[in-house]
Amino acid sequence: MFYGWRVVAGVFVAQLFVIGFFTYAASLLVAPVRDEFGVSLEQVMYGFTCGTLLGLVMMPVGGIMLDRYPVRWLMTGGALVLAVGLWWLASSRVILEFIIVFGLTMAVANAFAGSMSASTAITRWFTTTRGRALGIAAIGTSVGGMLVPKLLGLGISEIGWRAALEWLAVAVLLVMLPVVAGLVRGRPADVGLQPEPEPDGGVNSEQGPQLSSGQILRHPGFWFLGLSLGLLFSTYSVVLANLSPYALHLGHEQGAASTLIMVIAITGFIGKLVFGALADKLNLKTGLAVAQLLVLSGFLVLALEPAYPLILCASVAIGLAAGGMLPVWGALMARVFGLLSYGRAMGMMGPVITLCVMPSFAVVGRLYDTSGSYVSALFLCCAGMVVSGLLLVPLKLARPGAAE
């Protein structure tokens, strides 16, 4: 078996724990932590805010380190930080300690052991099946989104949030850490192997020049792609966060509202496989444009406030597109910037996307409070998706210094 698939298995497990906790399960801590320390919801939310702001710094730092140091070391370090952070959170005595530890842990673990490290390692191993490999690895986020919240929620109800975090820390040490250390290798040369052969039988060497941070920032493709993805992620994130309230606003039951989230999760799982495979066969800009079109069509349907079956259809379209974002994004970055500058470019693009996402929640909240419905907010999201698609038009896939 090609060794690259072992790397896929390693980063799959890493994303299961890292993304599964911070993206999907961490919100389960809000209520018990608030009750434990007798603080406001706003104070607990400072932990998430701290992690987001520190991530703006850690993502570029992590990207630079991924191009200089072995991915295995960095992901192993990220796993250790996650385990220590979970244990420390479980023993936190005051809310300020919880906020600082959570923020640092989220920023460092995400930067060193999250999706950026995973896609960096995979792009160096795969060529003809790169999209498929990225899609399979990204499924780890979906599995983590289903498994980690379930286990953490069960632990909180049975043994309390502190003990539940301690057991999760032990699981990171016993499962994630050895899998990452044993399977992940950032470059084929690390184990005396070659990358996946090209279709003509050749070997894909590390392509593209070693770009500085300034060269990446001056490259038009960085801004076309970064802003396009920033609008895509911001509109998707804010609609997902408001999908259940939207359904309740239209008079549907809580169970029906929860079903919409489950539909997006399931179809996102499918989308990662489908778009991952398509990324190996279609023009990458076309693949991302298809995802944008699916999201836009879903938003338009939701803006009409239709009957529940059509809302389900819109959720399917949005979920499929959401699943396709990560593998297509990873493959595009390799094409635009090459492998030698992949980590640095990914790390620098992270803050651009984050800055696009951050204000979207407040804007949609204000529009809903003003109008009493989500219609205007959804049409604004549609406009954002149109701009996101237009930004892809001038994007060129040739790397700097390469022939167009």
Protein backbone atom coordinates (compact mmCIF):
# COMPACT_ATOMS: atom_id res chain seq x y z
CA MET A 1 0.00 0.00 0.00
CA PHE A 2 1.23 3.47 -0.88
CA TYR A 3 2.58 5.04 2.32
CA GLY A 4 0.68 8.25 1.68
CA TRP A 5 -2.54 6.53 2.72
CA ARG A 6 -1.01 5.93 6.16
CA VAL A 7 -0.46 9.67 6.36
CA VAL A 8 -4.12 10.18 5.46
CA ALA A 9 -5.11 7.85 8.32
CA GLY A 10 -2.89 9.77 10.74
CA VAL A 11 -4.26 13.20 9.91
CA PHE A 12 -7.80 11.76 9.84
CA VAL A 13 -7.45 10.86 13.52
CA ALA A 14 -5.82 14.20 14.35
CA GLN A 15 -8.68 16.18 12.82
CA LEU A 16 -11.20 13.92 14.55
CA PHE A 17 -9.89 15.08 17.92
CA VAL A 18 -8.85 18.67 17.19
CA ILE A 19 -11.77 19.79 15.02
CA GLY A 20 -14.18 17.47 16.79
CA PHE A 21 -13.50 19.20 20.09
CA PHE A 22 -12.96 22.85 19.24
CA THR A 23 -15.48 23.20 16.42
CA TYR A 24 -18.24 20.87 17.55
CA ALA A 25 -17.92 19.84 21.21
CA ALA A 26 -16.48 22.86 23.03
CA SER A 27 -19.88 24.58 23.14
CA LEU A 28 -21.05 21.80 25.49
CA LEU A 29 -18.78 23.30 28.15
CA VAL A 30 -20.50 26.69 28.12
CA ALA A 31 -23.40 25.88 30.46
CA PRO A 32 -21.52 23.84 33.09
CA VAL A 33 -18.59 26.28 33.17
CA ARG A 34 -20.98 29.20 33.52
CA ASP A 35 -22.72 27.48 36.45
CA GLU A 36 -19.46 26.36 38.06
CA PHE A 37 -17.90 29.82 38.19
CA GLY A 38 -21.11 31.80 38.51
CA VAL A 39 -20.28 34.05 35.54
CA SER A 40 -22.14 35.46 32.57
CA LEU A 41 -22.38 33.89 29.13
CA GLU A 42 -20.31 36.78 27.78
CA GLN A 43 -17.41 35.91 30.10
CA VAL A 44 -17.40 32.28 28.98
CA MET A 45 -17.47 33.39 25.35
CA TYR A 46 -14.25 35.32 25.91
CA GLY A 47 -12.47 31.97 25.72
CA PHE A 48 -13.69 31.44 22.15
CA THR A 49 -12.88 35.05 21.28
CA CYS A 50 -9.38 34.69 22.74
CA GLY A 51 -8.79 31.54 20.69
CA THR A 52 -9.97 33.24 17.51
CA LEU A 53 -7.76 36.29 18.02
CA LEU A 54 -4.68 34.24 18.94
CA GLY A 55 -5.38 32.09 15.88
CA LEU A 56 -4.86 35.17 13.69
CA VAL A 57 -1.25 35.14 14.90
CA MET A 58 -0.66 31.41 15.24
CA MET A 59 -1.91 30.42 11.78
CA PRO A 60 0.79 32.38 9.87
CA VAL A 61 3.44 31.25 12.38
CA GLY A 62 2.32 27.65 12.02
CA GLY A 63 2.30 27.92 8.23
CA ILE A 64 5.89 29.17 8.15
CA MET A 65 6.99 26.37 10.49
CA LEU A 66 5.27 23.75 8.33
CA ASP A 67 7.52 24.73 5.42
CA ARG A 68 10.66 24.60 7.61
CA TYR A 69 10.20 21.76 10.09
CA PRO A 70 8.84 18.19 9.93
CA VAL A 71 5.05 18.05 10.01
CA ARG A 72 5.30 15.02 12.29
CA TRP A 73 7.04 17.05 14.99
CA LEU A 74 4.59 19.92 14.75
CA MET A 75 1.50 17.70 14.83
CA THR A 76 2.94 15.71 17.74
CA GLY A 77 3.53 18.97 19.57
CA GLY A 78 -0.01 20.08 18.78
CA ALA A 79 -1.37 16.81 20.21
CA LEU A 80 0.62 17.33 23.42
CA VAL A 81 -0.65 20.91 23.71
CA LEU A 82 -4.22 19.68 23.25
CA ALA A 83 -3.84 17.00 25.95
CA VAL A 84 -2.15 19.34 28.45
CA GLY A 85 -4.70 22.07 27.68
CA LEU A 86 -7.67 19.76 28.29
CA TRP A 87 -6.22 18.59 31.60
CA TRP A 88 -5.44 22.18 32.62
CA LEU A 89 -8.95 23.30 31.70
CA ALA A 90 -10.32 20.56 33.92
CA SER A 91 -8.37 21.94 36.88
CA SER A 92 -8.96 25.66 36.22
CA ARG A 93 -9.88 27.54 39.39
CA VAL A 94 -11.15 30.86 38.06
CA ILE A 95 -12.82 31.93 34.83
CA LEU A 96 -9.79 33.99 33.72
CA GLU A 97 -7.62 30.88 33.88
CA PHE A 98 -10.20 28.96 31.84
CA ILE A 99 -10.35 31.73 29.21
CA ILE A 100 -6.57 31.98 28.78
CA VAL A 101 -5.94 28.22 28.71
CA PHE A 102 -8.81 27.57 26.31
CA GLY A 103 -7.70 30.36 23.97
CA LEU A 104 -4.05 29.27 23.91
CA THR A 105 -4.93 25.61 23.48
CA MET A 106 -7.37 26.29 20.65
CA ALA A 107 -4.95 28.54 18.78
CA VAL A 108 -1.85 26.33 19.09
CA ALA A 109 -3.53 22.94 18.59
CA ASN A 110 -5.45 24.17 15.54
CA ALA A 111 -2.34 25.74 14.00
CA PHE A 112 -0.06 22.72 14.51
CA ALA A 113 -2.36 19.68 14.48
CA GLY A 114 -5.46 20.86 12.61
CA SER A 115 -6.57 21.07 9.01
CA MET A 116 -3.65 23.21 7.82
CA SER A 117 -1.03 20.65 8.87
CA ALA A 118 -3.17 17.82 7.52
CA SER A 119 -3.54 19.33 4.05
CA THR A 120 0.14 20.32 3.94
CA ALA A 121 1.27 16.75 4.56
CA ILE A 122 -1.20 15.23 2.09
CA THR A 123 -0.40 17.59 -0.78
CA ARG A 124 3.26 16.59 -0.56
CA TRP A 125 2.45 12.89 -0.88
CA PHE A 126 -0.28 12.85 -3.53
CA THR A 127 -0.58 14.08 -7.11
CA THR A 128 -3.21 12.33 -9.26
CA THR A 129 -5.43 11.41 -6.30
CA ARG A 130 -4.68 14.47 -4.17
CA GLY A 131 -8.30 15.65 -4.09
CA ARG A 132 -9.55 12.23 -3.06
CA ALA A 133 -6.94 11.99 -0.30
CA LEU A 134 -7.81 15.46 0.98
CA GLY A 135 -11.51 14.58 0.94
CA ILE A 136 -11.03 11.34 2.88
CA ALA A 137 -8.83 13.07 5.45
CA ALA A 138 -11.43 15.84 5.83
CA ILE A 139 -14.02 13.22 6.74
CA GLY A 140 -12.16 13.09 10.05
CA THR A 141 -13.75 16.43 10.90
CA SER A 142 -17.22 15.00 10.25
CA VAL A 143 -16.57 11.87 12.29
CA GLY A 144 -15.15 14.02 15.06
CA GLY A 145 -18.21 16.25 14.87
CA MET A 146 -20.42 13.25 15.54
CA LEU A 147 -18.25 11.26 17.98
CA VAL A 148 -16.51 13.79 20.26
CA PRO A 149 -19.63 15.82 21.21
CA LYS A 150 -21.51 12.60 21.92
CA LEU A 151 -18.80 11.25 24.22
CA LEU A 152 -18.11 14.58 25.90
CA GLY A 153 -21.82 15.22 26.43
CA LEU A 154 -22.24 11.77 27.97
CA GLY A 155 -19.24 12.36 30.20
CA ILE A 156 -20.52 15.75 31.37
CA SER A 157 -23.89 14.29 32.33
CA GLU A 158 -22.41 11.24 34.09
CA ILE A 159 -19.17 12.41 35.76
CA GLY A 160 -19.10 16.19 35.35
CA TRP A 161 -17.29 18.48 32.93
CA ARG A 162 -13.94 18.40 34.73
CA ALA A 163 -13.64 14.63 34.77
CA ALA A 164 -14.96 14.44 31.20
CA LEU A 165 -12.16 16.75 30.01
CA GLU A 166 -9.58 14.67 31.89
CA TRP A 167 -10.75 11.52 30.14
CA LEU A 168 -10.66 13.31 26.79
CA ALA A 169 -7.07 14.37 27.54
CA VAL A 170 -6.20 10.73 28.24
CA ALA A 171 -7.81 9.70 24.93
CA VAL A 172 -5.68 12.26 23.09
CA LEU A 173 -2.53 10.83 24.71
CA LEU A 174 -3.46 7.19 24.13
CA VAL A 175 -5.01 7.46 20.64
CA MET A 176 -4.20 10.67 18.78
CA LEU A 177 -0.58 11.09 19.92
CA PRO A 178 0.72 7.60 18.99
CA VAL A 179 -1.22 7.56 15.70
CA VAL A 180 0.20 10.93 14.64
CA ALA A 181 3.73 10.11 15.75
CA GLY A 182 3.59 6.67 14.16
CA LEU A 183 1.92 7.40 10.83
CA VAL A 184 2.35 11.04 9.82
CA ARG A 185 5.38 11.94 7.73
CA GLY A 186 5.41 15.37 6.13
CA ARG A 187 7.53 14.49 3.10
CA PRO A 188 8.09 11.21 1.22
CA ALA A 189 11.84 11.73 1.56
CA ASP A 190 11.47 11.41 5.34
CA VAL A 191 10.99 7.66 4.89
CA GLY A 192 13.08 7.25 1.75
CA LEU A 193 10.11 7.20 -0.62
CA GLN A 194 8.84 9.19 -3.60
CA PRO A 195 5.52 11.05 -3.97
CA GLU A 196 2.65 9.46 -5.86
CA PRO A 197 3.68 9.03 -9.53
CA GLU A 198 2.23 11.30 -12.18
CA PRO A 199 -0.03 9.72 -14.85
CA ASP A 200 2.89 9.59 -17.29
CA GLY A 201 4.95 7.63 -14.80
CA GLY A 202 7.01 10.60 -13.68
CA VAL A 203 7.43 11.76 -10.12
CA ASN A 204 5.97 14.93 -8.69
CA SER A 205 8.85 16.73 -7.06
CA GLU A 206 8.23 19.65 -4.75
CA GLN A 207 7.18 22.31 -7.20
CA GLY A 208 7.25 26.06 -7.21
CA PRO A 209 9.73 28.55 -5.76
CA GLN A 210 10.21 29.18 -2.06
CA LEU A 211 8.13 32.34 -1.65
CA SER A 212 8.57 34.90 1.11
CA SER A 213 5.60 36.25 3.05
CA GLY A 214 5.82 39.47 1.05
CA GLN A 215 5.78 37.63 -2.27
CA ILE A 216 2.70 35.68 -1.21
CA LEU A 217 0.89 38.84 -0.13
CA ARG A 218 1.76 40.53 -3.44
CA HIS A 219 0.52 37.58 -5.48
CA PRO A 220 -2.98 38.44 -6.84
CA GLY A 221 -4.11 34.84 -6.46
CA PHE A 222 -3.72 35.08 -2.70
CA TRP A 223 -6.34 37.82 -2.48
CA PHE A 224 -8.69 36.49 -5.15
CA LEU A 225 -8.78 33.06 -3.54
CA GLY A 226 -8.62 34.27 0.06
CA LEU A 227 -11.48 36.75 -0.27
CA SER A 228 -13.55 34.32 -2.34
CA LEU A 229 -13.17 31.63 0.32
CA GLY A 230 -13.63 34.18 3.08
CA LEU A 231 -17.05 35.13 1.73
CA LEU A 232 -17.93 31.47 1.16
CA PHE A 233 -17.00 30.43 4.70
CA SER A 234 -18.57 33.50 6.33
CA THR A 235 -21.96 33.09 4.65
CA TYR A 236 -22.00 29.33 5.24
CA SER A 237 -20.98 29.69 8.89
CA VAL A 238 -23.57 32.31 9.74
CA VAL A 239 -26.39 30.46 7.99
CA LEU A 240 -25.45 27.21 9.71
CA ALA A 241 -25.41 28.96 13.09
CA ASN A 242 -28.88 30.38 12.43
CA LEU A 243 -30.47 27.45 10.62
CA SER A 244 -32.21 26.04 13.69
CA PRO A 245 -33.55 29.46 14.81
CA TYR A 246 -34.65 30.06 11.21
CA ALA A 247 -36.71 26.86 11.21
CA LEU A 248 -38.22 27.68 14.61
CA HIS A 249 -39.03 31.19 13.38
CA LEU A 250 -41.06 29.62 10.56
CA GLY A 251 -43.04 27.58 13.08
CA HIS A 252 -41.35 24.19 12.77
CA GLU A 253 -40.72 21.99 15.81
CA GLN A 254 -37.33 21.68 17.51
CA GLY A 255 -36.94 18.15 16.18
CA ALA A 256 -37.45 19.32 12.61
CA ALA A 257 -34.94 22.12 13.17
CA SER A 258 -32.34 19.67 14.53
CA THR A 259 -32.91 17.42 11.53
CA LEU A 260 -31.69 20.17 9.22
CA ILE A 261 -28.33 20.28 11.02
CA MET A 262 -28.06 16.50 10.80
CA VAL A 263 -28.83 16.61 7.06
CA ILE A 264 -26.02 19.12 6.51
CA ALA A 265 -23.62 16.96 8.53
CA ILE A 266 -24.48 13.80 6.58
CA THR A 267 -24.40 15.42 3.15
CA GLY A 268 -21.17 17.19 4.13
CA PHE A 269 -19.67 13.75 4.68
CA ILE A 270 -20.78 12.77 1.16
CA GLY A 271 -19.62 16.08 -0.30
CA LYS A 272 -16.07 15.56 0.93
CA LEU A 273 -15.85 12.29 -0.97
CA VAL A 274 -17.58 13.57 -4.11
CA PHE A 275 -15.74 16.87 -4.40
CA GLY A 276 -12.47 15.21 -3.40
CA ALA A 277 -12.81 12.82 -6.33
CA LEU A 278 -13.95 15.60 -8.69
CA ALA A 279 -10.93 17.70 -7.71
CA ASP A 280 -8.76 15.06 -9.39
CA LYS A 281 -10.78 15.16 -12.62
CA LEU A 282 -12.21 18.66 -13.11
CA ASN A 283 -10.71 22.11 -13.30
CA LEU A 284 -10.31 23.20 -9.67
CA LYS A 285 -11.91 26.58 -10.28
CA THR A 286 -14.90 24.75 -11.73
CA GLY A 287 -15.10 22.55 -8.64
CA LEU A 288 -15.13 25.53 -6.30
CA ALA A 289 -17.63 27.35 -8.54
CA VAL A 290 -19.97 24.34 -8.32
CA ALA A 291 -19.76 24.47 -4.53
CA GLN A 292 -20.52 28.19 -4.59
CA LEU A 293 -23.48 27.63 -6.89
CA LEU A 294 -24.89 24.96 -4.57
CA VAL A 295 -24.57 27.28 -1.57
CA LEU A 296 -26.17 30.15 -3.50
CA SER A 297 -29.11 27.98 -4.60
CA GLY A 298 -29.64 26.81 -1.02
CA PHE A 299 -29.63 30.38 0.29
CA LEU A 300 -32.11 31.49 -2.36
CA VAL A 301 -34.51 28.71 -1.43
CA LEU A 302 -34.24 29.56 2.27
CA ALA A 303 -34.84 33.27 1.53
CA LEU A 304 -38.24 32.33 0.06
CA GLU A 305 -39.27 30.84 3.42
CA PRO A 306 -40.71 27.75 1.68
CA ALA A 307 -42.34 24.61 3.02
CA TYR A 308 -40.23 22.21 5.06
CA PRO A 309 -39.45 19.73 2.22
CA LEU A 310 -37.83 22.53 0.21
CA ILE A 311 -35.87 23.63 3.29
CA LEU A 312 -34.57 20.07 3.48
CA CYS A 313 -33.50 20.27 -0.17
CA ALA A 314 -31.72 23.54 0.50
CA SER A 315 -29.91 21.92 3.43
CA VAL A 316 -28.76 19.08 1.18
CA ALA A 317 -27.29 21.54 -1.33
CA ILE A 318 -25.55 23.55 1.39
CA GLY A 319 -24.20 20.40 3.04
CA LEU A 320 -22.78 18.97 -0.17
CA ALA A 321 -21.03 22.27 -0.89
CA ALA A 322 -19.70 22.56 2.66
CA GLY A 323 -18.14 19.12 2.36
CA GLY A 324 -16.41 20.13 -0.84
CA MET A 325 -14.78 23.28 0.48
CA LEU A 326 -11.76 21.76 2.24
CA PRO A 327 -10.48 19.32 -0.41
CA VAL A 328 -10.92 21.82 -3.26
CA TRP A 329 -9.30 24.61 -1.22
CA GLY A 330 -6.29 22.42 -0.42
CA ALA A 331 -5.84 21.34 -4.03
CA LEU A 332 -6.15 24.94 -5.26
CA MET A 333 -3.47 26.18 -2.87
CA ALA A 334 -1.04 23.57 -4.14
CA ARG A 335 -1.71 24.61 -7.73
CA VAL A 336 -1.40 28.34 -7.11
CA PHE A 337 1.58 28.45 -4.74
CA GLY A 338 3.36 25.11 -5.17
CA LEU A 339 4.44 22.71 -2.45
CA LEU A 340 7.49 24.59 -1.16
CA SER A 341 5.35 27.54 -0.06
CA TYR A 342 2.14 25.66 0.68
CA GLY A 343 2.25 25.85 4.47
CA ARG A 344 3.21 29.51 4.57
CA ALA A 345 0.47 30.46 2.07
CA MET A 346 -2.17 28.44 3.95
CA GLY A 347 -1.13 29.98 7.26
CA MET A 348 -1.34 33.51 5.89
CA MET A 349 -4.71 32.90 4.26
CA GLY A 350 -6.24 31.67 7.52
CA PRO A 351 -6.47 35.16 9.08
CA VAL A 352 -7.97 36.60 5.87
CA ILE A 353 -10.77 34.04 6.02
CA THR A 354 -11.22 34.51 9.78
CA LEU A 355 -11.54 38.28 9.42
CA CYS A 356 -14.25 37.74 6.80
CA VAL A 357 -16.14 35.34 9.07
CA MET A 358 -15.99 37.30 12.34
CA PRO A 359 -18.34 40.22 11.51
CA SER A 360 -20.93 38.10 9.70
CA PHE A 361 -22.66 36.92 12.90
CA ALA A 362 -23.20 40.44 14.22
CA VAL A 363 -24.43 41.70 10.83
CA VAL A 364 -27.00 38.93 10.47
CA GLY A 365 -28.08 39.40 14.08
CA ARG A 366 -28.64 43.10 13.51
CA LEU A 367 -30.61 42.49 10.31
CA TYR A 368 -32.86 39.99 12.06
CA ASP A 369 -33.43 42.28 15.04
CA THR A 370 -34.30 45.14 12.69
CA SER A 371 -36.58 43.31 10.26
CA GLY A 372 -37.97 40.50 12.40
CA SER A 373 -37.05 37.85 9.80
CA TYR A 374 -34.05 36.22 8.14
CA VAL A 375 -35.07 37.17 4.59
CA SER A 376 -32.88 40.27 4.25
CA ALA A 377 -29.93 38.48 5.85
CA LEU A 378 -30.27 35.55 3.45
CA PHE A 379 -30.41 37.81 0.42
CA LEU A 380 -27.29 39.56 1.71
CA CYS A 381 -25.63 36.14 1.94
CA CYS A 382 -26.71 35.48 -1.65
CA ALA A 383 -25.04 38.72 -2.72
CA GLY A 384 -21.90 37.64 -0.86
CA MET A 385 -21.88 34.36 -2.75
CA VAL A 386 -22.18 36.17 -6.10
CA VAL A 387 -19.15 38.31 -5.21
CA SER A 388 -17.33 35.17 -4.05
CA GLY A 389 -17.90 33.58 -7.45
CA LEU A 390 -16.84 36.68 -9.38
CA LEU A 391 -13.54 36.76 -7.46
CA LEU A 392 -12.67 33.38 -8.99
CA VAL A 393 -12.86 34.70 -12.55
CA PRO A 394 -9.45 36.45 -12.61
CA LEU A 395 -7.76 33.72 -10.52
CA LYS A 396 -4.93 32.06 -12.45
CA LEU A 397 -3.75 28.61 -11.39
CA ALA A 398 -0.17 29.01 -12.62
CA ARG A 399 2.34 29.47 -9.79
CA PRO A 400 4.49 32.61 -9.57
CA GLY A 401 7.29 32.26 -12.08
CA ALA A 402 5.54 29.40 -13.92
CA ALA A 403 4.17 29.55 -17.43
CA GLU A 404 0.54 30.61 -17.63
